[in-house]
N, C-alpha and C. Protein backbone atom coordinates (compact mmCIF):
# COMPACT_ATOMS: atom_id res chain seq x y z
N MET A 1 -6.23 -6.43 -20.63
CA MET A 1 -5.01 -5.99 -19.98
C MET A 1 -5.23 -5.92 -18.46
N THR A 2 -4.27 -6.41 -17.72
CA THR A 2 -4.36 -6.41 -16.27
C THR A 2 -3.89 -5.06 -15.73
N VAL A 3 -4.66 -4.50 -14.83
CA VAL A 3 -4.26 -3.22 -14.23
C VAL A 3 -3.11 -3.45 -13.26
N PRO A 4 -2.24 -2.46 -13.09
CA PRO A 4 -1.14 -2.59 -12.13
C PRO A 4 -1.67 -2.72 -10.70
N LEU A 5 -0.81 -3.26 -9.86
CA LEU A 5 -1.13 -3.49 -8.46
C LEU A 5 -0.35 -2.52 -7.59
N LEU A 6 -1.05 -1.80 -6.71
CA LEU A 6 -0.42 -0.90 -5.75
C LEU A 6 -0.67 -1.48 -4.36
N VAL A 7 0.39 -1.84 -3.66
CA VAL A 7 0.28 -2.44 -2.32
C VAL A 7 0.82 -1.43 -1.32
N VAL A 8 0.00 -1.10 -0.32
CA VAL A 8 0.37 -0.07 0.65
C VAL A 8 0.54 -0.68 2.03
N ASP A 9 1.71 -0.47 2.61
CA ASP A 9 2.04 -0.91 3.97
C ASP A 9 1.44 0.12 4.93
N ALA A 10 0.22 -0.14 5.40
CA ALA A 10 -0.53 0.84 6.19
C ALA A 10 0.23 1.32 7.42
N ALA A 11 0.78 0.41 8.19
CA ALA A 11 1.45 0.80 9.44
C ALA A 11 2.62 1.74 9.15
N ASN A 12 3.38 1.44 8.12
CA ASN A 12 4.53 2.26 7.79
C ASN A 12 4.12 3.63 7.27
N VAL A 13 3.12 3.66 6.41
CA VAL A 13 2.67 4.93 5.83
C VAL A 13 2.00 5.80 6.89
N VAL A 14 1.11 5.22 7.68
CA VAL A 14 0.44 5.98 8.74
C VAL A 14 1.48 6.50 9.74
N GLY A 15 2.45 5.68 10.07
CA GLY A 15 3.46 6.07 11.04
C GLY A 15 4.48 7.08 10.54
N SER A 16 4.42 7.41 9.25
CA SER A 16 5.40 8.34 8.67
C SER A 16 5.13 9.79 9.02
N VAL A 17 3.94 10.08 9.55
CA VAL A 17 3.58 11.45 9.92
C VAL A 17 3.12 11.45 11.38
N PRO A 18 3.81 12.20 12.24
CA PRO A 18 3.44 12.22 13.66
C PRO A 18 2.23 13.12 13.93
N ASP A 19 1.06 12.64 13.51
CA ASP A 19 -0.16 13.46 13.63
C ASP A 19 -1.12 12.94 14.70
N GLY A 20 -0.62 12.11 15.61
CA GLY A 20 -1.46 11.56 16.66
C GLY A 20 -2.13 10.24 16.28
N TRP A 21 -1.70 9.62 15.19
CA TRP A 21 -2.30 8.38 14.70
C TRP A 21 -2.34 7.30 15.78
N TRP A 22 -1.39 7.30 16.70
CA TRP A 22 -1.29 6.26 17.72
C TRP A 22 -2.47 6.27 18.69
N ARG A 23 -3.19 7.38 18.75
CA ARG A 23 -4.36 7.44 19.64
C ARG A 23 -5.58 6.73 19.04
N ASP A 24 -5.56 6.54 17.72
CA ASP A 24 -6.69 5.89 17.03
C ASP A 24 -6.16 5.20 15.78
N ARG A 25 -5.52 4.07 15.97
CA ARG A 25 -4.91 3.35 14.85
C ARG A 25 -5.93 2.93 13.79
N PRO A 26 -7.09 2.38 14.18
CA PRO A 26 -8.08 2.04 13.15
C PRO A 26 -8.55 3.29 12.38
N GLY A 27 -8.76 4.38 13.08
CA GLY A 27 -9.19 5.61 12.42
C GLY A 27 -8.14 6.12 11.44
N ALA A 28 -6.88 6.04 11.82
CA ALA A 28 -5.79 6.47 10.93
C ALA A 28 -5.74 5.59 9.69
N ALA A 29 -5.93 4.28 9.86
CA ALA A 29 -5.93 3.38 8.71
C ALA A 29 -7.14 3.65 7.80
N ARG A 30 -8.29 3.97 8.40
CA ARG A 30 -9.47 4.30 7.58
C ARG A 30 -9.24 5.58 6.78
N ARG A 31 -8.62 6.58 7.39
CA ARG A 31 -8.35 7.83 6.66
C ARG A 31 -7.40 7.57 5.50
N LEU A 32 -6.38 6.74 5.72
CA LEU A 32 -5.47 6.39 4.63
C LEU A 32 -6.21 5.63 3.55
N ARG A 33 -7.00 4.65 3.95
CA ARG A 33 -7.79 3.87 2.98
C ARG A 33 -8.64 4.79 2.11
N ASP A 34 -9.32 5.74 2.74
CA ASP A 34 -10.19 6.64 1.99
C ASP A 34 -9.40 7.52 1.03
N ALA A 35 -8.20 7.94 1.44
CA ALA A 35 -7.36 8.76 0.56
C ALA A 35 -6.85 7.97 -0.63
N LEU A 36 -6.72 6.65 -0.48
CA LEU A 36 -6.20 5.81 -1.56
C LEU A 36 -7.19 5.63 -2.71
N VAL A 37 -8.46 5.88 -2.47
CA VAL A 37 -9.47 5.72 -3.52
C VAL A 37 -9.11 6.55 -4.75
N ALA A 38 -8.64 7.77 -4.54
CA ALA A 38 -8.28 8.63 -5.68
C ALA A 38 -7.16 8.02 -6.51
N TYR A 39 -6.20 7.35 -5.85
CA TYR A 39 -5.10 6.72 -6.58
C TYR A 39 -5.59 5.51 -7.37
N ALA A 40 -6.57 4.80 -6.86
CA ALA A 40 -7.13 3.67 -7.58
C ALA A 40 -7.71 4.12 -8.91
N GLU A 41 -8.29 5.30 -8.91
CA GLU A 41 -8.91 5.82 -10.12
C GLU A 41 -7.91 6.47 -11.06
N SER A 42 -7.04 7.33 -10.52
CA SER A 42 -6.18 8.15 -11.38
C SER A 42 -4.72 7.73 -11.44
N GLY A 43 -4.30 6.81 -10.58
CA GLY A 43 -2.90 6.40 -10.56
C GLY A 43 -2.07 7.27 -9.65
N LEU A 44 -0.77 7.03 -9.64
CA LEU A 44 0.14 7.81 -8.81
C LEU A 44 0.51 9.10 -9.51
N PRO A 45 0.88 10.13 -8.75
CA PRO A 45 1.31 11.38 -9.38
C PRO A 45 2.50 11.10 -10.32
N PRO A 46 2.56 11.77 -11.45
CA PRO A 46 3.60 11.49 -12.44
C PRO A 46 5.03 11.55 -11.89
N ALA A 47 5.30 12.44 -10.96
CA ALA A 47 6.65 12.57 -10.42
C ALA A 47 6.98 11.51 -9.36
N ALA A 48 6.00 10.72 -8.97
CA ALA A 48 6.17 9.77 -7.86
C ALA A 48 7.02 8.57 -8.23
N ILE A 49 6.94 8.14 -9.46
CA ILE A 49 7.63 6.91 -9.86
C ILE A 49 7.90 6.96 -11.36
N ASP A 50 9.02 6.38 -11.75
CA ASP A 50 9.41 6.37 -13.16
C ASP A 50 9.65 4.93 -13.57
N PRO A 51 8.95 4.41 -14.58
CA PRO A 51 7.97 5.13 -15.39
C PRO A 51 6.69 5.39 -14.61
N PRO A 52 5.90 6.37 -15.07
CA PRO A 52 4.66 6.72 -14.38
C PRO A 52 3.71 5.54 -14.22
N LEU A 53 2.82 5.65 -13.27
CA LEU A 53 1.84 4.61 -13.00
C LEU A 53 0.43 5.22 -13.05
N PRO A 54 -0.10 5.33 -14.27
CA PRO A 54 -1.45 5.90 -14.39
C PRO A 54 -2.51 4.90 -13.96
N GLY A 55 -3.71 5.42 -13.66
CA GLY A 55 -4.82 4.56 -13.26
C GLY A 55 -5.50 3.96 -14.46
N PRO A 56 -6.41 3.07 -14.23
CA PRO A 56 -6.81 2.58 -12.91
C PRO A 56 -5.79 1.60 -12.34
N LEU A 57 -5.80 1.49 -11.01
CA LEU A 57 -4.92 0.58 -10.29
C LEU A 57 -5.77 -0.31 -9.39
N GLU A 58 -5.28 -1.50 -9.13
CA GLU A 58 -5.84 -2.30 -8.05
C GLU A 58 -5.05 -1.91 -6.81
N VAL A 59 -5.72 -1.41 -5.80
CA VAL A 59 -5.06 -0.95 -4.58
C VAL A 59 -5.36 -1.92 -3.45
N VAL A 60 -4.30 -2.37 -2.79
CA VAL A 60 -4.42 -3.26 -1.65
C VAL A 60 -3.74 -2.59 -0.46
N LEU A 61 -4.51 -2.39 0.60
CA LEU A 61 -4.00 -1.81 1.84
C LEU A 61 -3.78 -2.95 2.83
N VAL A 62 -2.55 -3.12 3.28
CA VAL A 62 -2.23 -4.18 4.24
C VAL A 62 -2.22 -3.57 5.64
N VAL A 63 -3.11 -4.09 6.49
CA VAL A 63 -3.23 -3.60 7.86
C VAL A 63 -2.81 -4.69 8.84
N GLU A 64 -2.48 -4.26 10.06
CA GLU A 64 -2.08 -5.20 11.09
C GLU A 64 -2.47 -4.65 12.45
N GLY A 65 -2.35 -5.46 13.47
CA GLY A 65 -2.59 -5.01 14.84
C GLY A 65 -3.99 -4.46 15.03
N ALA A 66 -4.08 -3.32 15.70
CA ALA A 66 -5.36 -2.70 16.05
C ALA A 66 -6.17 -2.29 14.83
N ALA A 67 -5.52 -2.16 13.68
CA ALA A 67 -6.22 -1.74 12.46
C ALA A 67 -6.82 -2.92 11.70
N ARG A 68 -6.71 -4.13 12.23
CA ARG A 68 -7.20 -5.32 11.51
C ARG A 68 -8.67 -5.28 11.14
N GLY A 69 -9.49 -4.56 11.84
CA GLY A 69 -10.92 -4.54 11.56
C GLY A 69 -11.35 -3.54 10.49
N VAL A 70 -10.40 -2.83 9.91
CA VAL A 70 -10.74 -1.84 8.89
C VAL A 70 -11.31 -2.55 7.66
N GLU A 71 -12.45 -2.06 7.20
CA GLU A 71 -13.16 -2.68 6.08
C GLU A 71 -12.70 -2.10 4.75
N PRO A 72 -12.87 -2.85 3.67
CA PRO A 72 -12.57 -2.31 2.34
C PRO A 72 -13.63 -1.30 1.92
N VAL A 73 -13.30 -0.51 0.91
CA VAL A 73 -14.24 0.40 0.28
C VAL A 73 -14.08 0.21 -1.23
N PRO A 74 -15.06 0.64 -2.02
CA PRO A 74 -14.88 0.52 -3.47
C PRO A 74 -13.59 1.18 -3.92
N GLY A 75 -12.75 0.42 -4.59
CA GLY A 75 -11.48 0.93 -5.08
C GLY A 75 -10.29 0.54 -4.24
N VAL A 76 -10.53 0.13 -2.99
CA VAL A 76 -9.41 -0.24 -2.10
C VAL A 76 -9.75 -1.53 -1.37
N ARG A 77 -9.00 -2.57 -1.67
CA ARG A 77 -9.14 -3.83 -0.95
C ARG A 77 -8.27 -3.75 0.30
N VAL A 78 -8.78 -4.21 1.41
CA VAL A 78 -8.02 -4.22 2.67
C VAL A 78 -7.77 -5.67 3.04
N THR A 79 -6.52 -5.98 3.33
CA THR A 79 -6.18 -7.32 3.76
C THR A 79 -5.45 -7.21 5.09
N ALA A 80 -5.87 -8.02 6.05
CA ALA A 80 -5.30 -7.99 7.39
C ALA A 80 -4.23 -9.05 7.55
N ALA A 81 -3.13 -8.65 8.17
CA ALA A 81 -2.06 -9.60 8.46
C ALA A 81 -2.40 -10.37 9.71
N ASP A 82 -2.23 -11.69 9.67
CA ASP A 82 -2.42 -12.50 10.86
C ASP A 82 -1.29 -12.26 11.85
N GLY A 83 -0.11 -11.99 11.32
CA GLY A 83 1.07 -11.72 12.14
C GLY A 83 1.73 -10.45 11.65
N SER A 84 2.86 -10.61 11.02
CA SER A 84 3.64 -9.48 10.52
C SER A 84 2.99 -8.85 9.28
N GLY A 85 2.82 -7.54 9.33
CA GLY A 85 2.32 -6.82 8.16
C GLY A 85 3.28 -6.94 7.00
N ASP A 86 4.58 -6.91 7.28
CA ASP A 86 5.58 -7.04 6.22
C ASP A 86 5.44 -8.38 5.51
N ASP A 87 5.24 -9.44 6.28
CA ASP A 87 5.08 -10.77 5.67
C ASP A 87 3.84 -10.80 4.78
N ARG A 88 2.77 -10.15 5.20
CA ARG A 88 1.54 -10.12 4.39
C ARG A 88 1.76 -9.32 3.10
N VAL A 89 2.50 -8.21 3.18
CA VAL A 89 2.83 -7.45 1.96
C VAL A 89 3.58 -8.35 0.98
N VAL A 90 4.56 -9.08 1.48
CA VAL A 90 5.34 -9.99 0.63
C VAL A 90 4.44 -11.05 0.01
N GLU A 91 3.51 -11.60 0.79
CA GLU A 91 2.57 -12.60 0.25
C GLU A 91 1.73 -12.03 -0.88
N VAL A 92 1.23 -10.80 -0.71
CA VAL A 92 0.41 -10.17 -1.76
C VAL A 92 1.24 -9.99 -3.03
N VAL A 93 2.46 -9.50 -2.87
CA VAL A 93 3.34 -9.28 -4.03
C VAL A 93 3.66 -10.61 -4.71
N ALA A 94 4.01 -11.61 -3.92
CA ALA A 94 4.36 -12.92 -4.47
C ALA A 94 3.18 -13.59 -5.16
N GLY A 95 1.96 -13.29 -4.72
CA GLY A 95 0.77 -13.94 -5.27
C GLY A 95 0.21 -13.30 -6.52
N ARG A 96 0.81 -12.20 -6.99
CA ARG A 96 0.28 -11.55 -8.18
C ARG A 96 0.60 -12.37 -9.43
N GLU A 97 -0.13 -12.08 -10.49
CA GLU A 97 0.10 -12.78 -11.75
C GLU A 97 1.49 -12.45 -12.28
N ALA A 98 2.11 -13.42 -12.92
CA ALA A 98 3.44 -13.22 -13.50
C ALA A 98 3.40 -12.07 -14.50
N GLY A 99 4.37 -11.19 -14.40
CA GLY A 99 4.49 -10.07 -15.33
C GLY A 99 3.66 -8.86 -14.98
N ARG A 100 2.82 -8.96 -13.98
CA ARG A 100 1.97 -7.82 -13.61
C ARG A 100 2.79 -6.77 -12.87
N ARG A 101 2.68 -5.53 -13.30
CA ARG A 101 3.42 -4.46 -12.64
C ARG A 101 2.89 -4.27 -11.22
N CYS A 102 3.82 -4.13 -10.29
CA CYS A 102 3.47 -4.00 -8.88
C CYS A 102 4.35 -2.94 -8.24
N VAL A 103 3.72 -2.03 -7.50
CA VAL A 103 4.43 -1.00 -6.76
C VAL A 103 4.02 -1.12 -5.30
N VAL A 104 5.01 -1.11 -4.41
CA VAL A 104 4.77 -1.19 -2.97
C VAL A 104 5.12 0.15 -2.35
N VAL A 105 4.24 0.65 -1.49
CA VAL A 105 4.48 1.91 -0.80
C VAL A 105 4.91 1.59 0.63
N THR A 106 6.18 1.87 0.93
CA THR A 106 6.74 1.67 2.27
C THR A 106 8.09 2.37 2.35
N ALA A 107 8.52 2.67 3.56
CA ALA A 107 9.86 3.20 3.78
C ALA A 107 10.74 2.16 4.48
N ASP A 108 10.16 1.03 4.82
CA ASP A 108 10.87 -0.02 5.55
C ASP A 108 11.95 -0.64 4.65
N ARG A 109 13.21 -0.46 5.02
CA ARG A 109 14.32 -0.93 4.17
C ARG A 109 14.28 -2.42 3.91
N ARG A 110 14.09 -3.19 4.95
CA ARG A 110 14.08 -4.65 4.77
C ARG A 110 12.92 -5.09 3.90
N LEU A 111 11.74 -4.49 4.08
CA LEU A 111 10.60 -4.83 3.23
C LEU A 111 10.87 -4.42 1.79
N ARG A 112 11.49 -3.27 1.59
CA ARG A 112 11.83 -2.82 0.24
C ARG A 112 12.71 -3.86 -0.46
N GLU A 113 13.67 -4.40 0.28
CA GLU A 113 14.55 -5.42 -0.29
C GLU A 113 13.78 -6.69 -0.62
N ARG A 114 12.91 -7.10 0.28
CA ARG A 114 12.16 -8.35 0.08
C ARG A 114 11.25 -8.28 -1.13
N VAL A 115 10.49 -7.19 -1.28
CA VAL A 115 9.57 -7.10 -2.41
C VAL A 115 10.33 -6.79 -3.71
N GLY A 116 11.45 -6.07 -3.59
CA GLY A 116 12.28 -5.82 -4.76
C GLY A 116 12.82 -7.12 -5.34
N ALA A 117 13.17 -8.06 -4.48
CA ALA A 117 13.65 -9.37 -4.93
C ALA A 117 12.57 -10.14 -5.68
N LEU A 118 11.30 -9.76 -5.46
CA LEU A 118 10.18 -10.40 -6.16
C LEU A 118 9.77 -9.62 -7.41
N GLY A 119 10.52 -8.58 -7.74
CA GLY A 119 10.23 -7.82 -8.95
C GLY A 119 9.33 -6.62 -8.77
N ALA A 120 8.98 -6.29 -7.55
CA ALA A 120 8.13 -5.13 -7.32
C ALA A 120 8.97 -3.86 -7.30
N GLU A 121 8.35 -2.77 -7.69
CA GLU A 121 8.96 -1.45 -7.55
C GLU A 121 8.55 -0.92 -6.18
N VAL A 122 9.31 0.05 -5.68
CA VAL A 122 9.01 0.59 -4.35
C VAL A 122 9.06 2.11 -4.39
N THR A 123 8.13 2.71 -3.67
CA THR A 123 8.13 4.16 -3.49
C THR A 123 7.80 4.46 -2.04
N GLY A 124 8.13 5.65 -1.59
CA GLY A 124 7.97 6.00 -0.19
C GLY A 124 6.59 6.50 0.18
N PRO A 125 6.34 6.63 1.49
CA PRO A 125 5.03 7.05 1.99
C PRO A 125 4.54 8.39 1.46
N ARG A 126 5.44 9.31 1.17
CA ARG A 126 5.00 10.63 0.68
C ARG A 126 4.29 10.55 -0.66
N THR A 127 4.45 9.44 -1.34
CA THR A 127 3.76 9.25 -2.61
C THR A 127 2.24 9.29 -2.42
N VAL A 128 1.77 8.70 -1.33
CA VAL A 128 0.33 8.63 -1.08
C VAL A 128 -0.10 9.42 0.14
N ARG A 129 0.87 10.00 0.84
CA ARG A 129 0.57 10.80 2.02
C ARG A 129 1.47 12.03 2.02
N PRO A 130 1.18 12.96 1.08
CA PRO A 130 2.07 14.13 0.93
C PRO A 130 2.05 15.04 2.15
């Protein structure tokens, strides 16, 4: 059985909380990456999405700009966008195996529409950054 895919729009999720992330974009992306490890193992909180998305999950963090050098860690694959982070998220979603459940974490309306058209489910940044 193929594990579900969780794709996280790093710039959108990091930018959802005004905690000074703009002073250290790579550091903010690393903190998010490290927090995602728990979701790779246990899945999303039951109230986050219906139907629930229990673990294990394949987690992909899409980074762009100054955060491009962020490295992966066990449980979280990091992929850097050459240009638009949104375009890279769409590429990851489009490249998954047919029928594989996919959830994208973003608040970006246009990106939500684009990945939704590809069959992905969408949830907001608070799902992984309460």
